[in-house]
Amino acid sequence: MNPHNTPFGSRVPAYLDRLSLALERRLPPAAEDPARLHQAMRYACDGGKRLRALLVYAAGEALGVPVEQLDAPACAVELIHAYSLVHDDLPAMDDDDLRRGRPTVHKAYDEATAILVGDGLQTLAFSVLADEPTLAPPQRLRMVSLLARASGSLGMVGGQAVDIASEGRRISLAELQSLHARKTGALILASLQMAAAAADAAPDIEQRLETYGRNIGLAFQIQDDVLDETASSETLGKTAGKDLAQQKSTYPSLLGLDGARERAASLFEEAREVVSTLPGGAAPLRWLADFIEGRGH
C-alpha cells in the first residue's frame, strides 16, 4: 500500500505547504538588519523531512484540534530542531560539512554566524509559542514549558552532551537508550505533548501519546544508526559513516544490523497499537508510524 494514498497521507503535502508558509511568516525577513544573520536563519530552516511538525499535525488531527492552533507548535519544534542541527554540525561538535544535501551553515556562511543562527532560532521558537493568538494563555504556557524541558539539559542538549562524552568508548544498551531518549526522543515526544496541550487532552490520552512518542523516538534513532552504516551520503543528505568514524556506540554495534532492524520494527508496532483506541481516531498517527518506518533517509 502506498501510504500517500491514505486519507492522512493525501493531506501531508498540504500540511507541509502550510508549515512552510507559517515559517515564512514567523522568520525575520531576509532583508531586515542584520540581514546576513536572517538569511542564514532561513537557510538553516529550508528543507528537511519536517517529521516533528508532522507529528504535531497528525496528533492534533487525531484529537480534533483546529489546524490554526497547530501551526505555532509545529513551527516552534521545527525551529528548535533546525537550531540543534546547526550547532550539531559545528567543528567543536560533530564537525560536518553536509546537511540536507548541501553545505552546513558554518560552511555556507561562517562559524560565528552559525552559532548565532542557532541562538536566534532557539529564542524565536519560544517567541512563536508565547505570542500565538489562537491559543489560550494556559496552553501557550504549557507548550513553552514542554518545549523548554525537551530542548534543555534534561532533554536534547543533555543528550548531546552525553553523546560527546561517550565518543571512543563502548556503552551499554541501557545507556544508549537513555542517551537517545534525550538527544532525539525528547523533541519527538514534545511534538505530541504540545498537540495534546492544544486539545486540552485528558491524562489517559496524554499517556498513550507519550508512549507512542517514546517508541517512535527510539525507533527513529535506531533507524538513523542503521542508515548511517548502510546508506550513502547522497541518499542521506549528510555524511554517511560518521558514527563509526567517531567510534560511537550504536544500536547496530550492540545488537547487529538485523537485531537493530528487528528492535525498530517492534517499537513501531507497539506505537501503532498504543494509539489504536484513541477516541478521535488513530489513522494519522498510524500513517506516520508507517511512513517513518519506511523512510530511506
C-alpha atoms as a PDB file:
ATOM      1  CA  MET A   1       0.000   0.000   0.000  1.00  0.00           C
ATOM      2  CA  ASN A   2       1.251   3.475  -0.888  1.00  0.00           C
ATOM      3  CA  PRO A   3       0.941   5.499   2.348  1.00  0.00           C
ATOM      4  CA  HIS A   4       0.314   8.682   0.361  1.00  0.00           C
ATOM      5  CA  ASN A   5      -2.964   7.154  -0.876  1.00  0.00           C
ATOM      6  CA  THR A   6      -4.383   7.009   2.657  1.00  0.00           C
ATOM      7  CA  PRO A   7      -6.569   9.924   3.822  1.00  0.00           C
ATOM      8  CA  PHE A   8      -3.936  11.484   6.090  1.00  0.00           C
ATOM      9  CA  GLY A   9      -1.153  10.711   3.621  1.00  0.00           C
ATOM     10  CA  SER A  10      -3.024  12.594   0.912  1.00  0.00           C
ATOM     11  CA  ARG A  11      -3.157  15.641   3.209  1.00  0.00           C
ATOM     12  CA  VAL A  12       0.547  15.629   4.106  1.00  0.00           C
ATOM     13  CA  PRO A  13       1.638  17.811   1.142  1.00  0.00           C
ATOM     14  CA  ALA A  14      -0.902  20.427   2.218  1.00  0.00           C
ATOM     15  CA  TYR A  15       0.363  20.265   5.798  1.00  0.00           C
ATOM     16  CA  LEU A  16       3.951  20.726   4.590  1.00  0.00           C
ATOM     17  CA  ASP A  17       2.933  23.681   2.434  1.00  0.00           C
ATOM     18  CA  ARG A  18       1.076  25.129   5.403  1.00  0.00           C
ATOM     19  CA  LEU A  19       4.165  24.725   7.595  1.00  0.00           C
ATOM     20  CA  SER A  20       6.387  26.420   5.015  1.00  0.00           C
ATOM     21  CA  LEU A  21       4.041  29.410   4.869  1.00  0.00           C
ATOM     22  CA  ALA A  22       3.798  29.534   8.665  1.00  0.00           C
ATOM     23  CA  LEU A  23       7.602  29.524   8.997  1.00  0.00           C
ATOM     24  CA  GLU A  24       7.882  32.152   6.279  1.00  0.00           C
ATOM     25  CA  ARG A  25       5.603  34.458   8.271  1.00  0.00           C
ATOM     26  CA  ARG A  26       7.443  33.897  11.531  1.00  0.00           C
ATOM     27  CA  LEU A  27      11.078  34.058  10.440  1.00  0.00           C
ATOM     28  CA  PRO A  28      12.560  37.566  10.209  1.00  0.00           C
ATOM     29  CA  PRO A  29      12.616  38.945   6.647  1.00  0.00           C
ATOM     30  CA  ALA A  30      15.857  38.171   4.842  1.00  0.00           C
ATOM     31  CA  ALA A  31      16.470  41.851   4.130  1.00  0.00           C
ATOM     32  CA  GLU A  32      15.899  43.003   7.718  1.00  0.00           C
ATOM     33  CA  ASP A  33      19.009  44.080   9.605  1.00  0.00           C
ATOM     34  CA  PRO A  34      21.133  42.083  10.479  1.00  0.00           C
ATOM     35  CA  ALA A  35      20.417  40.724   7.012  1.00  0.00           C
ATOM     36  CA  ARG A  36      23.233  38.161   6.856  1.00  0.00           C
ATOM     37  CA  LEU A  37      22.077  36.536  10.087  1.00  0.00           C
ATOM     38  CA  HIS A  38      18.452  36.455   8.977  1.00  0.00           C
ATOM     39  CA  GLN A  39      19.406  34.982   5.605  1.00  0.00           C
ATOM     40  CA  ALA A  40      21.390  32.266   7.386  1.00  0.00           C
ATOM     41  CA  MET A  41      18.467  31.527   9.719  1.00  0.00           C
ATOM     42  CA  ARG A  42      16.248  30.988   6.695  1.00  0.00           C
ATOM     43  CA  TYR A  43      18.903  28.817   5.049  1.00  0.00           C
ATOM     44  CA  ALA A  44      19.016  26.618   8.159  1.00  0.00           C
ATOM     45  CA  CYS A  45      15.230  26.122   8.105  1.00  0.00           C
ATOM     46  CA  ASP A  46      14.982  25.227   4.439  1.00  0.00           C
ATOM     47  CA  GLY A  47      14.316  21.589   3.535  1.00  0.00           C
ATOM     48  CA  GLY A  48      14.348  18.528   5.744  1.00  0.00           C
ATOM     49  CA  LYS A  49      11.751  15.853   6.457  1.00  0.00           C
ATOM     50  CA  ARG A  50       9.694  18.017   8.856  1.00  0.00           C
ATOM     51  CA  LEU A  51       8.720  14.882  10.788  1.00  0.00           C
ATOM     52  CA  ARG A  52       8.376  16.647  14.134  1.00  0.00           C
ATOM     53  CA  ALA A  53       5.973  19.192  12.700  1.00  0.00           C
ATOM     54  CA  LEU A  54       4.020  16.388  11.021  1.00  0.00           C
ATOM     55  CA  LEU A  55       3.728  14.706  14.416  1.00  0.00           C
ATOM     56  CA  VAL A  56       2.118  17.891  15.748  1.00  0.00           C
ATOM     57  CA  TYR A  57      -0.339  17.994  12.857  1.00  0.00           C
ATOM     58  CA  ALA A  58      -1.067  14.235  12.983  1.00  0.00           C
ATOM     59  CA  ALA A  59      -1.709  14.187  16.723  1.00  0.00           C
ATOM     60  CA  GLY A  60      -3.717  17.385  16.504  1.00  0.00           C
ATOM     61  CA  GLU A  61      -5.886  15.986  13.729  1.00  0.00           C
ATOM     62  CA  ALA A  62      -6.421  12.769  15.692  1.00  0.00           C
ATOM     63  CA  LEU A  63      -7.543  14.830  18.698  1.00  0.00           C
ATOM     64  CA  GLY A  64      -9.779  17.174  16.704  1.00  0.00           C
ATOM     65  CA  VAL A  65      -7.700  20.347  17.180  1.00  0.00           C
ATOM     66  CA  PRO A  66      -8.366  23.156  14.656  1.00  0.00           C
ATOM     67  CA  VAL A  67      -5.366  23.297  12.346  1.00  0.00           C
ATOM     68  CA  GLU A  68      -4.838  27.010  13.030  1.00  0.00           C
ATOM     69  CA  GLN A  69      -3.904  26.106  16.607  1.00  0.00           C
ATOM     70  CA  LEU A  70      -1.245  23.637  15.447  1.00  0.00           C
ATOM     71  CA  ASP A  71       0.830  25.982  13.293  1.00  0.00           C
ATOM     72  CA  ALA A  72       2.672  27.631  16.182  1.00  0.00           C
ATOM     73  CA  PRO A  73       3.800  24.420  17.939  1.00  0.00           C
ATOM     74  CA  ALA A  74       4.676  22.874  14.554  1.00  0.00           C
ATOM     75  CA  CYS A  75       6.847  25.891  13.723  1.00  0.00           C
ATOM     76  CA  ALA A  76       8.373  26.023  17.199  1.00  0.00           C
ATOM     77  CA  VAL A  77       9.507  22.409  17.208  1.00  0.00           C
ATOM     78  CA  GLU A  78      10.979  22.764  13.705  1.00  0.00           C
ATOM     79  CA  LEU A  79      12.868  25.908  14.750  1.00  0.00           C
ATOM     80  CA  ILE A  80      14.367  24.058  17.727  1.00  0.00           C
ATOM     81  CA  HIS A  81      15.252  21.090  15.530  1.00  0.00           C
ATOM     82  CA  ALA A  82      16.888  23.331  12.912  1.00  0.00           C
ATOM     83  CA  TYR A  83      18.937  25.113  15.581  1.00  0.00           C
ATOM     84  CA  SER A  84      20.089  21.794  17.003  1.00  0.00           C
ATOM     85  CA  LEU A  85      21.325  20.652  13.580  1.00  0.00           C
ATOM     86  CA  VAL A  86      23.244  23.883  13.011  1.00  0.00           C
ATOM     87  CA  HIS A  87      25.052  23.532  16.339  1.00  0.00           C
ATOM     88  CA  ASP A  88      25.467  19.759  15.979  1.00  0.00           C
ATOM     89  CA  ASP A  89      27.350  20.276  12.700  1.00  0.00           C
ATOM     90  CA  LEU A  90      29.858  22.780  14.155  1.00  0.00           C
ATOM     91  CA  PRO A  91      33.575  21.868  14.226  1.00  0.00           C
ATOM     92  CA  ALA A  92      33.512  21.672  18.027  1.00  0.00           C
ATOM     93  CA  MET A  93      30.645  19.150  17.874  1.00  0.00           C
ATOM     94  CA  ASP A  94      30.226  16.601  15.039  1.00  0.00           C
ATOM     95  CA  ASP A  95      32.236  18.716  12.564  1.00  0.00           C
ATOM     96  CA  ASP A  96      30.146  18.027   9.460  1.00  0.00           C
ATOM     97  CA  ASP A  97      30.205  19.742   6.079  1.00  0.00           C
ATOM     98  CA  LEU A  98      26.954  18.375   4.635  1.00  0.00           C
ATOM     99  CA  ARG A  99      23.364  18.701   5.814  1.00  0.00           C
ATOM    100  CA  ARG A 100      20.158  18.204   3.832  1.00  0.00           C
ATOM    101  CA  GLY A 101      22.239  17.665   0.706  1.00  0.00           C
ATOM    102  CA  ARG A 102      24.073  20.991   0.817  1.00  0.00           C
ATOM    103  CA  PRO A 103      26.793  22.766   2.830  1.00  0.00           C
ATOM    104  CA  THR A 104      26.156  23.109   6.542  1.00  0.00           C
ATOM    105  CA  VAL A 105      25.514  26.629   7.845  1.00  0.00           C
ATOM    106  CA  HIS A 106      29.055  27.177   9.121  1.00  0.00           C
ATOM    107  CA  LYS A 107      30.351  26.196   5.672  1.00  0.00           C
ATOM    108  CA  ALA A 108      27.839  28.251   3.688  1.00  0.00           C
ATOM    109  CA  TYR A 109      28.380  31.272   5.965  1.00  0.00           C
ATOM    110  CA  ASP A 110      30.928  31.051   8.782  1.00  0.00           C
ATOM    111  CA  GLU A 111      31.295  29.518  12.219  1.00  0.00           C
ATOM    112  CA  ALA A 112      30.343  32.604  14.236  1.00  0.00           C
ATOM    113  CA  THR A 113      27.241  33.152  12.124  1.00  0.00           C
ATOM    114  CA  ALA A 114      26.237  29.510  12.598  1.00  0.00           C
ATOM    115  CA  ILE A 115      26.431  29.867  16.389  1.00  0.00           C
ATOM    116  CA  LEU A 116      24.267  32.990  16.237  1.00  0.00           C
ATOM    117  CA  VAL A 117      21.818  31.286  13.866  1.00  0.00           C
ATOM    118  CA  GLY A 118      21.272  28.564  16.432  1.00  0.00           C
ATOM    119  CA  ASP A 119      20.799  31.138  19.179  1.00  0.00           C
ATOM    120  CA  GLY A 120      18.330  33.103  17.041  1.00  0.00           C
ATOM    121  CA  LEU A 121      16.262  30.090  16.034  1.00  0.00           C
ATOM    122  CA  GLN A 122      16.068  28.794  19.590  1.00  0.00           C
ATOM    123  CA  THR A 123      14.761  32.043  21.043  1.00  0.00           C
ATOM    124  CA  LEU A 124      12.380  32.570  18.112  1.00  0.00           C
ATOM    125  CA  ALA A 125      10.761  29.197  18.856  1.00  0.00           C
ATOM    126  CA  PHE A 126       9.633  30.325  22.295  1.00  0.00           C
ATOM    127  CA  SER A 127       8.510  33.710  20.990  1.00  0.00           C
ATOM    128  CA  VAL A 128       6.328  31.936  18.410  1.00  0.00           C
ATOM    129  CA  LEU A 129       4.566  29.989  21.157  1.00  0.00           C
ATOM    130  CA  ALA A 130       4.274  32.868  23.615  1.00  0.00           C
ATOM    131  CA  ASP A 131       2.742  35.231  21.054  1.00  0.00           C
ATOM    132  CA  GLU A 132       0.291  32.856  19.319  1.00  0.00           C
ATOM    133  CA  PRO A 133      -3.197  34.448  19.485  1.00  0.00           C
ATOM    134  CA  THR A 134      -5.141  31.285  18.539  1.00  0.00           C
ATOM    135  CA  LEU A 135      -4.026  29.538  21.743  1.00  0.00           C
ATOM    136  CA  ALA A 136      -5.288  30.314  25.239  1.00  0.00           C
ATOM    137  CA  PRO A 137      -2.652  31.652  27.671  1.00  0.00           C
ATOM    138  CA  PRO A 138      -2.559  28.398  29.722  1.00  0.00           C
ATOM    139  CA  GLN A 139      -1.964  26.431  26.523  1.00  0.00           C
ATOM    140  CA  ARG A 140       0.872  28.732  25.489  1.00  0.00           C
ATOM    141  CA  LEU A 141       2.490  28.447  28.905  1.00  0.00           C
ATOM    142  CA  ARG A 142       2.178  24.658  28.863  1.00  0.00           C
ATOM    143  CA  MET A 143       3.775  24.445  25.409  1.00  0.00           C
ATOM    144  CA  VAL A 144       6.645  26.754  26.353  1.00  0.00           C
ATOM    145  CA  SER A 145       7.322  24.600  29.413  1.00  0.00           C
ATOM    146  CA  LEU A 146       7.166  21.329  27.430  1.00  0.00           C
ATOM    147  CA  LEU A 147       9.460  22.568  24.674  1.00  0.00           C
ATOM    148  CA  ALA A 148      11.945  24.132  27.090  1.00  0.00           C
ATOM    149  CA  ARG A 149      12.290  20.917  29.066  1.00  0.00           C
ATOM    150  CA  ALA A 150      12.616  18.810  25.920  1.00  0.00           C
ATOM    151  CA  SER A 151      15.265  21.144  24.495  1.00  0.00           C
ATOM    152  CA  GLY A 152      17.437  21.728  27.554  1.00  0.00           C
ATOM    153  CA  SER A 153      19.935  19.880  29.711  1.00  0.00           C
ATOM    154  CA  LEU A 154      17.309  17.319  30.773  1.00  0.00           C
ATOM    155  CA  GLY A 155      16.438  16.700  27.135  1.00  0.00           C
ATOM    156  CA  MET A 156      18.098  17.292  23.779  1.00  0.00           C
ATOM    157  CA  VAL A 157      21.083  19.345  24.919  1.00  0.00           C
ATOM    158  CA  GLY A 158      21.797  16.924  27.749  1.00  0.00           C
ATOM    159  CA  GLY A 159      21.642  14.019  25.321  1.00  0.00           C
ATOM    160  CA  GLN A 160      24.113  15.759  23.046  1.00  0.00           C
ATOM    161  CA  ALA A 161      26.476  16.294  25.980  1.00  0.00           C
ATOM    162  CA  VAL A 162      26.338  12.600  26.898  1.00  0.00           C
ATOM    163  CA  ASP A 163      26.820  11.665  23.245  1.00  0.00           C
ATOM    164  CA  ILE A 164      30.014  13.705  23.031  1.00  0.00           C
ATOM    165  CA  ALA A 165      31.286  12.273  26.319  1.00  0.00           C
ATOM    166  CA  SER A 166      30.611   8.747  25.040  1.00  0.00           C
ATOM    167  CA  GLU A 167      32.757   9.013  21.907  1.00  0.00           C
ATOM    168  CA  GLY A 168      35.552   6.447  21.768  1.00  0.00           C
ATOM    169  CA  ARG A 169      34.131   4.150  24.437  1.00  0.00           C
ATOM    170  CA  ARG A 170      31.590   1.341  24.434  1.00  0.00           C
ATOM    171  CA  ILE A 171      28.452   1.999  26.442  1.00  0.00           C
ATOM    172  CA  SER A 172      25.672  -0.383  27.426  1.00  0.00           C
ATOM    173  CA  LEU A 173      22.364  -0.713  25.601  1.00  0.00           C
ATOM    174  CA  ALA A 174      20.570   0.892  28.557  1.00  0.00           C
ATOM    175  CA  GLU A 175      22.957   3.855  28.472  1.00  0.00           C
ATOM    176  CA  LEU A 176      22.500   4.223  24.715  1.00  0.00           C
ATOM    177  CA  GLN A 177      18.714   4.200  25.042  1.00  0.00           C
ATOM    178  CA  SER A 178      18.860   6.813  27.799  1.00  0.00           C
ATOM    179  CA  LEU A 179      21.149   8.978  25.673  1.00  0.00           C
ATOM    180  CA  HIS A 180      18.852   8.911  22.667  1.00  0.00           C
ATOM    181  CA  ALA A 181      15.676   9.304  24.713  1.00  0.00           C
ATOM    182  CA  ARG A 182      17.078  12.754  25.417  1.00  0.00           C
ATOM    183  CA  LYS A 183      19.007  13.621  22.259  1.00  0.00           C
ATOM    184  CA  THR A 184      16.371  12.518  19.725  1.00  0.00           C
ATOM    185  CA  GLY A 185      13.321  11.292  21.615  1.00  0.00           C
ATOM    186  CA  ALA A 186      12.631  14.318  23.804  1.00  0.00           C
ATOM    187  CA  LEU A 187      11.782  16.636  20.918  1.00  0.00           C
ATOM    188  CA  ILE A 188       9.647  13.983  19.209  1.00  0.00           C
ATOM    189  CA  LEU A 189       7.782  13.457  22.478  1.00  0.00           C
ATOM    190  CA  ALA A 190       7.312  17.216  22.926  1.00  0.00           C
ATOM    191  CA  SER A 191       5.693  17.427  19.482  1.00  0.00           C
ATOM    192  CA  LEU A 192       2.944  15.080  20.652  1.00  0.00           C
ATOM    193  CA  GLN A 193       2.644  16.676  24.065  1.00  0.00           C
ATOM    194  CA  MET A 194       2.133  20.129  22.546  1.00  0.00           C
ATOM    195  CA  ALA A 195      -0.664  18.773  20.342  1.00  0.00           C
ATOM    196  CA  ALA A 196      -2.226  17.271  23.474  1.00  0.00           C
ATOM    197  CA  ALA A 197      -1.927  20.663  25.188  1.00  0.00           C
ATOM    198  CA  ALA A 198      -3.739  22.306  22.267  1.00  0.00           C
ATOM    199  CA  ALA A 199      -6.530  19.738  22.688  1.00  0.00           C
ATOM    200  CA  ASP A 200      -6.640  20.038  26.487  1.00  0.00           C
ATOM    201  CA  ALA A 201      -6.447  16.246  26.328  1.00  0.00           C
ATOM    202  CA  ALA A 202      -7.359  14.021  29.258  1.00  0.00           C
ATOM    203  CA  PRO A 203      -4.483  12.393  31.205  1.00  0.00           C
ATOM    204  CA  ASP A 204      -5.110   8.919  29.753  1.00  0.00           C
ATOM    205  CA  ILE A 205      -4.915  10.316  26.202  1.00  0.00           C
ATOM    206  CA  GLU A 206      -1.702  12.144  27.052  1.00  0.00           C
ATOM    207  CA  GLN A 207      -0.248   8.913  28.409  1.00  0.00           C
ATOM    208  CA  ARG A 208      -0.993   6.996  25.220  1.00  0.00           C
ATOM    209  CA  LEU A 209       0.534   9.746  23.106  1.00  0.00           C
ATOM    210  CA  GLU A 210       3.630   9.800  25.307  1.00  0.00           C
ATOM    211  CA  THR A 211       4.081   6.037  24.976  1.00  0.00           C
ATOM    212  CA  TYR A 212       3.668   6.356  21.209  1.00  0.00           C
ATOM    213  CA  GLY A 213       6.206   9.197  21.161  1.00  0.00           C
ATOM    214  CA  ARG A 214       8.829   7.337  23.180  1.00  0.00           C
ATOM    215  CA  ASN A 215       8.528   4.295  20.924  1.00  0.00           C
ATOM    216  CA  ILE A 216       8.672   6.357  17.733  1.00  0.00           C
ATOM    217  CA  GLY A 217      11.622   8.372  19.041  1.00  0.00           C
ATOM    218  CA  LEU A 218      13.683   5.300  19.884  1.00  0.00           C
ATOM    219  CA  ALA A 219      12.763   3.530  16.642  1.00  0.00           C
ATOM    220  CA  PHE A 220      13.692   6.635  14.667  1.00  0.00           C
ATOM    221  CA  GLN A 221      17.143   6.726  16.253  1.00  0.00           C
ATOM    222  CA  ILE A 222      17.727   3.017  15.662  1.00  0.00           C
ATOM    223  CA  GLN A 223      16.835   3.644  12.008  1.00  0.00           C
ATOM    224  CA  ASP A 224      19.332   6.520  11.869  1.00  0.00           C
ATOM    225  CA  ASP A 225      22.076   4.268  13.205  1.00  0.00           C
ATOM    226  CA  VAL A 226      21.258   1.588  10.635  1.00  0.00           C
ATOM    227  CA  LEU A 227      21.114   4.098   7.777  1.00  0.00           C
ATOM    228  CA  ASP A 228      24.424   5.639   8.853  1.00  0.00           C
ATOM    229  CA  GLU A 229      26.030   2.263   8.146  1.00  0.00           C
ATOM    230  CA  THR A 230      24.035   1.160   5.102  1.00  0.00           C
ATOM    231  CA  ALA A 231      23.081   4.278   3.084  1.00  0.00           C
ATOM    232  CA  SER A 232      25.211   6.648   1.014  1.00  0.00           C
ATOM    233  CA  SER A 233      25.875  10.324   1.764  1.00  0.00           C
ATOM    234  CA  GLU A 234      23.882  11.196  -1.375  1.00  0.00           C
ATOM    235  CA  THR A 235      20.849   9.307  -0.083  1.00  0.00           C
ATOM    236  CA  LEU A 236      21.120  10.634   3.465  1.00  0.00           C
ATOM    237  CA  GLY A 237      21.870  14.239   2.521  1.00  0.00           C
ATOM    238  CA  LYS A 238      24.579  14.199   5.199  1.00  0.00           C
ATOM    239  CA  THR A 239      27.898  12.448   5.680  1.00  0.00           C
ATOM    240  CA  ALA A 240      27.450   8.679   5.997  1.00  0.00           C
ATOM    241  CA  GLY A 241      29.596   6.591   8.336  1.00  0.00           C
ATOM    242  CA  LYS A 242      30.101   9.367  10.900  1.00  0.00           C
ATOM    243  CA  ASP A 243      29.234   7.166  13.877  1.00  0.00           C
ATOM    244  CA  LEU A 244      31.868   4.575  13.022  1.00  0.00           C
ATOM    245  CA  ALA A 245      34.452   7.254  12.259  1.00  0.00           C
ATOM    246  CA  GLN A 246      33.846   8.866  15.651  1.00  0.00           C
ATOM    247  CA  GLN A 247      33.835   5.485  17.420  1.00  0.00           C
ATOM    248  CA  LYS A 248      30.342   5.918  18.808  1.00  0.00           C
ATOM    249  CA  SER A 249      28.303   3.104  20.271  1.00  0.00           C
ATOM    250  CA  THR A 250      25.260   2.479  18.076  1.00  0.00           C
ATOM    251  CA  TYR A 251      22.341   0.058  18.011  1.00  0.00           C
ATOM    252  CA  PRO A 252      23.887  -1.977  15.155  1.00  0.00           C
ATOM    253  CA  SER A 253      27.196  -2.173  17.046  1.00  0.00           C
ATOM    254  CA  LEU A 254      25.381  -3.524  20.136  1.00  0.00           C
ATOM    255  CA  LEU A 255      22.605  -5.562  18.512  1.00  0.00           C
ATOM    256  CA  GLY A 256      23.910  -6.226  14.999  1.00  0.00           C
ATOM    257  CA  LEU A 257      22.168  -4.836  11.897  1.00  0.00           C
ATOM    258  CA  ASP A 258      19.445  -7.489  11.884  1.00  0.00           C
ATOM    259  CA  GLY A 259      18.880  -7.148  15.628  1.00  0.00           C
ATOM    260  CA  ALA A 260      18.629  -3.366  15.328  1.00  0.00           C
ATOM    261  CA  ARG A 261      16.125  -3.615  12.486  1.00  0.00           C
ATOM    262  CA  GLU A 262      14.012  -6.103  14.457  1.00  0.00           C
ATOM    263  CA  ARG A 263      14.034  -3.868  17.524  1.00  0.00           C
ATOM    264  CA  ALA A 264      12.903  -0.860  15.470  1.00  0.00           C
ATOM    265  CA  ALA A 265      10.107  -2.878  13.827  1.00  0.00           C
ATOM    266  CA  SER A 266       8.868  -3.996  17.246  1.00  0.00           C
ATOM    267  CA  LEU A 267       8.834  -0.411  18.540  1.00  0.00           C
ATOM    268  CA  PHE A 268       6.888   0.823  15.522  1.00  0.00           C
ATOM    269  CA  GLU A 269       4.282  -1.900  16.019  1.00  0.00           C
ATOM    270  CA  GLU A 270       3.957  -1.079  19.727  1.00  0.00           C
ATOM    271  CA  ALA A 271       3.487   2.593  18.811  1.00  0.00           C
ATOM    272  CA  ARG A 272       0.680   1.770  16.372  1.00  0.00           C
ATOM    273  CA  GLU A 273      -1.063  -0.444  18.919  1.00  0.00           C
ATOM    274  CA  VAL A 274      -0.993   2.058  21.780  1.00  0.00           C
ATOM    275  CA  VAL A 275      -2.851   4.741  19.782  1.00  0.00           C
ATOM    276  CA  SER A 276      -5.257   2.363  18.048  1.00  0.00           C
ATOM    277  CA  THR A 277      -8.029   3.120  20.539  1.00  0.00           C
ATOM    278  CA  LEU A 278      -7.795   6.914  20.600  1.00  0.00           C
ATOM    279  CA  PRO A 279     -11.379   8.205  20.623  1.00  0.00           C
ATOM    280  CA  GLY A 280     -10.726  10.658  17.784  1.00  0.00           C
ATOM    281  CA  GLY A 281      -9.189   8.035  15.522  1.00  0.00           C
ATOM    282  CA  ALA A 282      -5.609   6.853  15.294  1.00  0.00           C
ATOM    283  CA  ALA A 283      -5.306   6.889  11.497  1.00  0.00           C
ATOM    284  CA  PRO A 284      -2.998   9.940  11.235  1.00  0.00           C
ATOM    285  CA  LEU A 285      -0.572   8.623  13.858  1.00  0.00           C
ATOM    286  CA  ARG A 286      -0.613   5.102  12.453  1.00  0.00           C
ATOM    287  CA  TRP A 287       0.088   6.521   8.995  1.00  0.00           C
ATOM    288  CA  LEU A 288       3.028   8.493  10.344  1.00  0.00           C
ATOM    289  CA  ALA A 289       4.466   5.414  12.059  1.00  0.00           C
ATOM    290  CA  ASP A 290       4.237   3.555   8.736  1.00  0.00           C
ATOM    291  CA  PHE A 291       5.813   6.462   6.872  1.00  0.00           C
ATOM    292  CA  ILE A 292       8.720   6.825   9.282  1.00  0.00           C
ATOM    293  CA  GLU A 293       9.306   3.076   9.318  1.00  0.00           C
ATOM    294  CA  GLY A 294       9.578   3.055   5.539  1.00  0.00           C
ATOM    295  CA  ARG A 295      11.930   6.023   5.187  1.00  0.00           C
ATOM    296  CA  GLY A 296      15.278   5.609   3.458  1.00  0.00           C
ATOM    297  CA  HIS A 297      16.987   8.756   4.745  1.00  0.00           C
END
